[in-house]
Amino acid sequence: AARPPAEIVAQVLASPHTRLPVFRGNDENI
């Protein structure tokens, strides 16, 4: 969640998945 919105959009576009968990700080903090 700390990444810029444009990078997040690019990541979702490139991902083969339609649902992606969002975390902040570490991947345990979903």
PDB file of all heavy atoms in Angstrom:
ATOM      1  N   ALA A   1       0.817  -1.221   0.000  1.00  0.00           N
ATOM      2  CA  ALA A   1       0.000   0.000   0.000  1.00  0.00           C
ATOM      3  C   ALA A   1       0.847   1.265   0.000  1.00  0.00           C
ATOM      4  O   ALA A   1       0.341   2.346  -0.333  1.00  0.00           O
ATOM      5  CB  ALA A   1      -0.943  -0.004   1.207  1.00  0.00           C
ATOM      6  N   ALA A   2       2.125   1.186   0.384  1.00  0.00           N
ATOM      7  CA  ALA A   2       2.990   2.362   0.434  1.00  0.00           C
ATOM      8  C   ALA A   2       3.513   2.780  -0.942  1.00  0.00           C
ATOM      9  O   ALA A   2       4.050   3.879  -1.089  1.00  0.00           O
ATOM     10  CB  ALA A   2       4.165   2.101   1.380  1.00  0.00           C
ATOM     11  N   ARG A   3       3.348   1.927  -1.953  1.00  0.00           N
ATOM     12  CA  ARG A   3       3.856   2.260  -3.285  1.00  0.00           C
ATOM     13  C   ARG A   3       2.967   3.312  -3.946  1.00  0.00           C
ATOM     14  O   ARG A   3       1.781   3.454  -3.626  1.00  0.00           O
ATOM     15  CB  ARG A   3       3.914   1.004  -4.144  1.00  0.00           C
ATOM     16  CG  ARG A   3       4.876  -0.055  -3.655  1.00  0.00           C
ATOM     17  CD  ARG A   3       4.785  -1.293  -4.509  1.00  0.00           C
ATOM     18  NE  ARG A   3       5.236  -1.035  -5.882  1.00  0.00           N
ATOM     19  CZ  ARG A   3       5.125  -1.922  -6.879  1.00  0.00           C
ATOM     20  NH1 ARG A   3       4.588  -3.111  -6.644  1.00  0.00           N
ATOM     21  NH2 ARG A   3       5.537  -1.620  -8.094  1.00  0.00           N
ATOM     22  N   PRO A   4       3.518   4.044  -4.885  1.00  0.00           N
ATOM     23  CA  PRO A   4       2.712   5.040  -5.615  1.00  0.00           C
ATOM     24  C   PRO A   4       1.562   4.369  -6.361  1.00  0.00           C
ATOM     25  O   PRO A   4       1.700   3.237  -6.845  1.00  0.00           O
ATOM     26  CB  PRO A   4       3.719   5.662  -6.586  1.00  0.00           C
ATOM     27  CG  PRO A   4       5.055   5.398  -5.967  1.00  0.00           C
ATOM     28  CD  PRO A   4       4.939   4.099  -5.264  1.00  0.00           C
ATOM     29  N   PRO A   5       0.419   5.047  -6.494  1.00  0.00           N
ATOM     30  CA  PRO A   5      -0.734   4.461  -7.179  1.00  0.00           C
ATOM     31  C   PRO A   5      -0.430   3.987  -8.592  1.00  0.00           C
ATOM     32  O   PRO A   5      -0.939   2.951  -9.034  1.00  0.00           O
ATOM     33  CB  PRO A   5      -1.758   5.603  -7.177  1.00  0.00           C
ATOM     34  CG  PRO A   5      -1.401   6.424  -5.987  1.00  0.00           C
ATOM     35  CD  PRO A   5       0.091   6.357  -5.892  1.00  0.00           C
ATOM     36  N   ALA A   6       0.385   4.736  -9.334  1.00  0.00           N
ATOM     37  CA  ALA A   6       0.697   4.339 -10.710  1.00  0.00           C
ATOM     38  C   ALA A   6       1.424   2.995 -10.740  1.00  0.00           C
ATOM     39  O   ALA A   6       1.168   2.158 -11.622  1.00  0.00           O
ATOM     40  CB  ALA A   6       1.539   5.421 -11.384  1.00  0.00           C
ATOM     41  N   GLU A   7       2.323   2.755  -9.799  1.00  0.00           N
ATOM     42  CA  GLU A   7       3.032   1.477  -9.743  1.00  0.00           C
ATOM     43  C   GLU A   7       2.080   0.334  -9.360  1.00  0.00           C
ATOM     44  O   GLU A   7       2.208  -0.785  -9.867  1.00  0.00           O
ATOM     45  CB  GLU A   7       4.188   1.562  -8.741  1.00  0.00           C
ATOM     46  CG  GLU A   7       5.296   2.510  -9.158  1.00  0.00           C
ATOM     47  CD  GLU A   7       6.451   2.509  -8.177  1.00  0.00           C
ATOM     48  OE1 GLU A   7       6.448   1.641  -7.259  1.00  0.00           O
ATOM     49  OE2 GLU A   7       7.355   3.359  -8.292  1.00  0.00           O
ATOM     50  N   ILE A   8       1.140   0.635  -8.465  1.00  0.00           N
ATOM     51  CA  ILE A   8       0.166  -0.383  -8.068  1.00  0.00           C
ATOM     52  C   ILE A   8      -0.703  -0.771  -9.261  1.00  0.00           C
ATOM     53  O   ILE A   8      -0.961  -1.944  -9.504  1.00  0.00           O
ATOM     54  CB  ILE A   8      -0.692   0.134  -6.903  1.00  0.00           C
ATOM     55  CG1 ILE A   8       0.176   0.299  -5.656  1.00  0.00           C
ATOM     56  CG2 ILE A   8      -1.864  -0.802  -6.642  1.00  0.00           C
ATOM     57  CD1 ILE A   8      -0.555   0.907  -4.476  1.00  0.00           C
ATOM     58  N   VAL A   9      -1.150   0.232 -10.025  1.00  0.00           N
ATOM     59  CA  VAL A   9      -1.957  -0.048 -11.211  1.00  0.00           C
ATOM     60  C   VAL A   9      -1.170  -0.886 -12.213  1.00  0.00           C
ATOM     61  O   VAL A   9      -1.686  -1.843 -12.796  1.00  0.00           O
ATOM     62  CB  VAL A   9      -2.437   1.268 -11.852  1.00  0.00           C
ATOM     63  CG1 VAL A   9      -3.079   0.998 -13.204  1.00  0.00           C
ATOM     64  CG2 VAL A   9      -3.423   1.976 -10.938  1.00  0.00           C
ATOM     65  N   ALA A  10       0.086  -0.564 -12.415  1.00  0.00           N
ATOM     66  CA  ALA A  10       0.920  -1.332 -13.338  1.00  0.00           C
ATOM     67  C   ALA A  10       1.092  -2.772 -12.858  1.00  0.00           C
ATOM     68  O   ALA A  10       1.074  -3.707 -13.668  1.00  0.00           O
ATOM     69  CB  ALA A  10       2.278  -0.658 -13.489  1.00  0.00           C
ATOM     70  N   GLN A  11       1.244  -2.936 -11.548  1.00  0.00           N
ATOM     71  CA  GLN A  11       1.389  -4.279 -10.995  1.00  0.00           C
ATOM     72  C   GLN A  11       0.116  -5.104 -11.217  1.00  0.00           C
ATOM     73  O   GLN A  11       0.195  -6.267 -11.617  1.00  0.00           O
ATOM     74  CB  GLN A  11       1.701  -4.218  -9.494  1.00  0.00           C
ATOM     75  CG  GLN A  11       1.830  -5.592  -8.841  1.00  0.00           C
ATOM     76  CD  GLN A  11       2.036  -5.518  -7.328  1.00  0.00           C
ATOM     77  OE1 GLN A  11       2.249  -4.429  -6.771  1.00  0.00           O
ATOM     78  NE2 GLN A  11       1.969  -6.668  -6.650  1.00  0.00           N
ATOM     79  N   VAL A  12      -1.042  -4.488 -10.970  1.00  0.00           N
ATOM     80  CA  VAL A  12      -2.305  -5.205 -11.155  1.00  0.00           C
ATOM     81  C   VAL A  12      -2.510  -5.550 -12.627  1.00  0.00           C
ATOM     82  O   VAL A  12      -2.999  -6.635 -12.962  1.00  0.00           O
ATOM     83  CB  VAL A  12      -3.477  -4.373 -10.603  1.00  0.00           C
ATOM     84  CG1 VAL A  12      -4.807  -5.052 -10.910  1.00  0.00           C
ATOM     85  CG2 VAL A  12      -3.323  -4.169  -9.110  1.00  0.00           C
ATOM     86  N   LEU A  13      -2.146  -4.629 -13.518  1.00  0.00           N
ATOM     87  CA  LEU A  13      -2.269  -4.896 -14.952  1.00  0.00           C
ATOM     88  C   LEU A  13      -1.408  -6.075 -15.386  1.00  0.00           C
ATOM     89  O   LEU A  13      -1.812  -6.882 -16.218  1.00  0.00           O
ATOM     90  CB  LEU A  13      -1.885  -3.650 -15.755  1.00  0.00           C
ATOM     91  CG  LEU A  13      -2.944  -2.551 -15.903  1.00  0.00           C
ATOM     92  CD1 LEU A  13      -2.345  -1.308 -16.552  1.00  0.00           C
ATOM     93  CD2 LEU A  13      -4.112  -3.071 -16.754  1.00  0.00           C
ATOM     94  N   ALA A  14      -0.209  -6.155 -14.829  1.00  0.00           N
ATOM     95  CA  ALA A  14       0.716  -7.220 -15.216  1.00  0.00           C
ATOM     96  C   ALA A  14       0.422  -8.548 -14.537  1.00  0.00           C
ATOM     97  O   ALA A  14       0.901  -9.598 -14.984  1.00  0.00           O
ATOM     98  CB  ALA A  14       2.149  -6.781 -14.892  1.00  0.00           C
ATOM     99  N   SER A  15      -0.366  -8.536 -13.480  1.00  0.00           N
ATOM    100  CA  SER A  15      -0.622  -9.749 -12.707  1.00  0.00           C
ATOM    101  C   SER A  15      -1.631 -10.652 -13.405  1.00  0.00           C
ATOM    102  O   SER A  15      -2.607 -10.181 -13.981  1.00  0.00           O
ATOM    103  CB  SER A  15      -1.127  -9.390 -11.308  1.00  0.00           C
ATOM    104  OG  SER A  15      -1.472 -10.563 -10.588  1.00  0.00           O
ATOM    105  N   PRO A  16      -1.432 -11.967 -13.343  1.00  0.00           N
ATOM    106  CA  PRO A  16      -2.427 -12.900 -13.875  1.00  0.00           C
ATOM    107  C   PRO A  16      -3.626 -13.108 -12.939  1.00  0.00           C
ATOM    108  O   PRO A  16      -4.573 -13.791 -13.301  1.00  0.00           O
ATOM    109  CB  PRO A  16      -1.630 -14.201 -14.029  1.00  0.00           C
ATOM    110  CG  PRO A  16      -0.591 -14.125 -12.954  1.00  0.00           C
ATOM    111  CD  PRO A  16      -0.230 -12.668 -12.851  1.00  0.00           C
ATOM    112  N   HIS A  17      -3.564 -12.501 -11.733  1.00  0.00           N
ATOM    113  CA  HIS A  17      -4.607 -12.695 -10.730  1.00  0.00           C
ATOM    114  C   HIS A  17      -5.554 -11.501 -10.698  1.00  0.00           C
ATOM    115  O   HIS A  17      -5.144 -10.356 -10.935  1.00  0.00           O
ATOM    116  CB  HIS A  17      -3.990 -12.897  -9.343  1.00  0.00           C
ATOM    117  CG  HIS A  17      -2.924 -13.943  -9.300  1.00  0.00           C
ATOM    118  ND1 HIS A  17      -3.178 -15.280  -9.543  1.00  0.00           N
ATOM    119  CD2 HIS A  17      -1.585 -13.848  -9.065  1.00  0.00           C
ATOM    120  CE1 HIS A  17      -2.054 -15.970  -9.447  1.00  0.00           C
ATOM    121  NE2 HIS A  17      -1.071 -15.122  -9.163  1.00  0.00           N
ATOM    122  N   THR A  18      -6.806 -11.767 -10.372  1.00  0.00           N
ATOM    123  CA  THR A  18      -7.791 -10.701 -10.271  1.00  0.00           C
ATOM    124  C   THR A  18      -7.941 -10.183  -8.848  1.00  0.00           C
ATOM    125  O   THR A  18      -8.464  -9.086  -8.642  1.00  0.00           O
ATOM    126  CB  THR A  18      -9.167 -11.179 -10.768  1.00  0.00           C
ATOM    127  OG1 THR A  18      -9.573 -12.321 -10.007  1.00  0.00           O
ATOM    128  CG2 THR A  18      -9.102 -11.558 -12.235  1.00  0.00           C
ATOM    129  N   ARG A  19      -7.509 -10.947  -7.860  1.00  0.00           N
ATOM    130  CA  ARG A  19      -7.593 -10.538  -6.460  1.00  0.00           C
ATOM    131  C   ARG A  19      -6.197 -10.570  -5.846  1.00  0.00           C
ATOM    132  O   ARG A  19      -5.510 -11.595  -5.902  1.00  0.00           O
ATOM    133  CB  ARG A  19      -8.537 -11.464  -5.676  1.00  0.00           C
ATOM    134  CG  ARG A  19      -9.972 -11.456  -6.176  1.00  0.00           C
ATOM    135  CD  ARG A  19     -10.791 -12.540  -5.471  1.00  0.00           C
ATOM    136  NE  ARG A  19     -12.192 -12.549  -5.904  1.00  0.00           N
ATOM    137  CZ  ARG A  19     -12.628 -13.181  -6.979  1.00  0.00           C
ATOM    138  NH1 ARG A  19     -11.759 -13.876  -7.727  1.00  0.00           N
ATOM    139  NH2 ARG A  19     -13.904 -13.143  -7.313  1.00  0.00           N
ATOM    140  N   LEU A  20      -5.787  -9.460  -5.235  1.00  0.00           N
ATOM    141  CA  LEU A  20      -4.457  -9.349  -4.653  1.00  0.00           C
ATOM    142  C   LEU A  20      -4.570  -8.780  -3.246  1.00  0.00           C
ATOM    143  O   LEU A  20      -5.210  -7.736  -3.045  1.00  0.00           O
ATOM    144  CB  LEU A  20      -3.557  -8.456  -5.505  1.00  0.00           C
ATOM    145  CG  LEU A  20      -3.254  -8.931  -6.932  1.00  0.00           C
ATOM    146  CD1 LEU A  20      -2.480  -7.875  -7.687  1.00  0.00           C
ATOM    147  CD2 LEU A  20      -2.485 -10.238  -6.913  1.00  0.00           C
ATOM    148  N   PRO A  21      -3.943  -9.430  -2.247  1.00  0.00           N
ATOM    149  CA  PRO A  21      -3.943  -8.883  -0.888  1.00  0.00           C
ATOM    150  C   PRO A  21      -3.120  -7.597  -0.826  1.00  0.00           C
ATOM    151  O   PRO A  21      -2.111  -7.443  -1.525  1.00  0.00           O
ATOM    152  CB  PRO A  21      -3.305  -9.998  -0.048  1.00  0.00           C
ATOM    153  CG  PRO A  21      -3.382 -11.230  -0.897  1.00  0.00           C
ATOM    154  CD  PRO A  21      -3.311 -10.767  -2.308  1.00  0.00           C
ATOM    155  N   VAL A  22      -3.548  -6.685   0.041  1.00  0.00           N
ATOM    156  CA  VAL A  22      -2.861  -5.415   0.252  1.00  0.00           C
ATOM    157  C   VAL A  22      -2.277  -5.415   1.657  1.00  0.00           C
ATOM    158  O   VAL A  22      -2.969  -5.721   2.622  1.00  0.00           O
ATOM    159  CB  VAL A  22      -3.823  -4.226   0.080  1.00  0.00           C
ATOM    160  CG1 VAL A  22      -3.069  -2.911   0.293  1.00  0.00           C
ATOM    161  CG2 VAL A  22      -4.467  -4.253  -1.297  1.00  0.00           C
ATOM    162  N   PHE A  23      -0.988  -5.062   1.763  1.00  0.00           N
ATOM    163  CA  PHE A  23      -0.350  -5.008   3.067  1.00  0.00           C
ATOM    164  C   PHE A  23       0.350  -3.666   3.236  1.00  0.00           C
ATOM    165  O   PHE A  23       0.616  -2.955   2.263  1.00  0.00           O
ATOM    166  CB  PHE A  23       0.652  -6.151   3.243  1.00  0.00           C
ATOM    167  CG  PHE A  23       1.924  -5.990   2.447  1.00  0.00           C
ATOM    168  CD1 PHE A  23       3.064  -5.417   3.005  1.00  0.00           C
ATOM    169  CD2 PHE A  23       1.988  -6.417   1.122  1.00  0.00           C
ATOM    170  CE1 PHE A  23       4.226  -5.261   2.263  1.00  0.00           C
ATOM    171  CE2 PHE A  23       3.141  -6.268   0.381  1.00  0.00           C
ATOM    172  CZ  PHE A  23       4.268  -5.692   0.952  1.00  0.00           C
ATOM    173  N   ARG A  24       0.660  -3.371   4.488  1.00  0.00           N
ATOM    174  CA  ARG A  24       1.429  -2.180   4.795  1.00  0.00           C
ATOM    175  C   ARG A  24       2.499  -2.554   5.821  1.00  0.00           C
ATOM    176  O   ARG A  24       2.202  -3.207   6.819  1.00  0.00           O
ATOM    177  CB  ARG A  24       0.546  -1.066   5.351  1.00  0.00           C
ATOM    178  CG  ARG A  24       1.301   0.292   5.534  1.00  0.00           C
ATOM    179  CD  ARG A  24       0.413   1.308   6.241  1.00  0.00           C
ATOM    180  NE  ARG A  24      -0.794   1.580   5.510  1.00  0.00           N
ATOM    181  CZ  ARG A  24      -0.938   2.460   4.567  1.00  0.00           C
ATOM    182  NH1 ARG A  24       0.070   3.139   4.220  1.00  0.00           N
ATOM    183  NH2 ARG A  24      -2.095   2.656   3.957  1.00  0.00           N
ATOM    184  N   GLY A  25       3.737  -2.150   5.565  1.00  0.00           N
ATOM    185  CA  GLY A  25       4.833  -2.437   6.473  1.00  0.00           C
ATOM    186  C   GLY A  25       5.434  -3.818   6.231  1.00  0.00           C
ATOM    187  O   GLY A  25       6.519  -3.962   5.720  1.00  0.00           O
ATOM    188  N   ASN A  26       4.737  -4.876   6.621  1.00  0.00           N
ATOM    189  CA  ASN A  26       5.184  -6.241   6.375  1.00  0.00           C
ATOM    190  C   ASN A  26       4.005  -7.070   5.891  1.00  0.00           C
ATOM    191  O   ASN A  26       2.844  -6.690   6.085  1.00  0.00           O
ATOM    192  CB  ASN A  26       5.810  -6.859   7.630  1.00  0.00           C
ATOM    193  CG  ASN A  26       4.833  -6.937   8.790  1.00  0.00           C
ATOM    194  OD1 ASN A  26       3.958  -7.809   8.839  1.00  0.00           O
ATOM    195  ND2 ASN A  26       4.964  -6.012   9.739  1.00  0.00           N
ATOM    196  N   ASP A  27       4.308  -8.196   5.291  1.00  0.00           N
ATOM    197  CA  ASP A  27       3.250  -8.987   4.649  1.00  0.00           C
ATOM    198  C   ASP A  27       2.341  -9.701   5.647  1.00  0.00           C
ATOM    199  O   ASP A  27       1.411 -10.400   5.243  1.00  0.00           O
ATOM    200  CB  ASP A  27       3.860 -10.000   3.671  1.00  0.00           C
ATOM    201  CG  ASP A  27       4.877 -10.927   4.321  1.00  0.00           C
ATOM    202  OD1 ASP A  27       4.966 -10.927   5.577  1.00  0.00           O
ATOM    203  OD2 ASP A  27       5.585 -11.650   3.597  1.00  0.00           O
ATOM    204  N   GLU A  28       2.602  -9.558   6.938  1.00  0.00           N
ATOM    205  CA  GLU A  28       1.683 -10.086   7.938  1.00  0.00           C
ATOM    206  C   GLU A  28       0.536  -9.119   8.210  1.00  0.00           C
ATOM    207  O   GLU A  28      -0.519  -9.515   8.688  1.00  0.00           O
ATOM    208  CB  GLU A  28       2.426 -10.375   9.243  1.00  0.00           C
ATOM    209  CG  GLU A  28       3.389 -11.549   9.186  1.00  0.00           C
ATOM    210  CD  GLU A  28       2.676 -12.890   9.182  1.00  0.00           C
ATOM    211  OE1 GLU A  28       1.469 -12.937   9.469  1.00  0.00           O
ATOM    212  OE2 GLU A  28       3.326 -13.904   8.873  1.00  0.00           O
ATOM    213  N   ASN A  29       0.767  -7.843   7.886  1.00  0.00           N
ATOM    214  CA  ASN A  29      -0.223  -6.803   8.159  1.00  0.00           C
ATOM    215  C   ASN A  29      -1.133  -6.626   6.935  1.00  0.00           C
ATOM    216  O   ASN A  29      -1.010  -5.652   6.179  1.00  0.00           O
ATOM    217  CB  ASN A  29       0.490  -5.498   8.515  1.00  0.00           C
ATOM    218  CG  ASN A  29      -0.487  -4.405   8.932  1.00  0.00           C
ATOM    219  OD1 ASN A  29      -1.560  -4.684   9.453  1.00  0.00           O
ATOM    220  ND2 ASN A  29      -0.105  -3.161   8.693  1.00  0.00           N
ATOM    221  N   ILE A  30      -2.031  -7.564   6.745  1.00  0.00           N
ATOM    222  CA  ILE A  30      -2.942  -7.541   5.599  1.00  0.00           C
ATOM    223  C   ILE A  30      -4.085  -6.571   5.887  1.00  0.00           C
ATOM    224  O   ILE A  30      -4.800  -6.710   6.881  1.00  0.00           O
ATOM    225  CB  ILE A  30      -3.501  -8.942   5.303  1.00  0.00           C
ATOM    226  CG1 ILE A  30      -2.371  -9.965   5.123  1.00  0.00           C
ATOM    227  CG2 ILE A  30      -4.396  -8.899   4.074  1.00  0.00           C
ATOM    228  CD1 ILE A  30      -1.503  -9.705   3.931  1.00  0.00           C
TER     229      ILE A  30
END
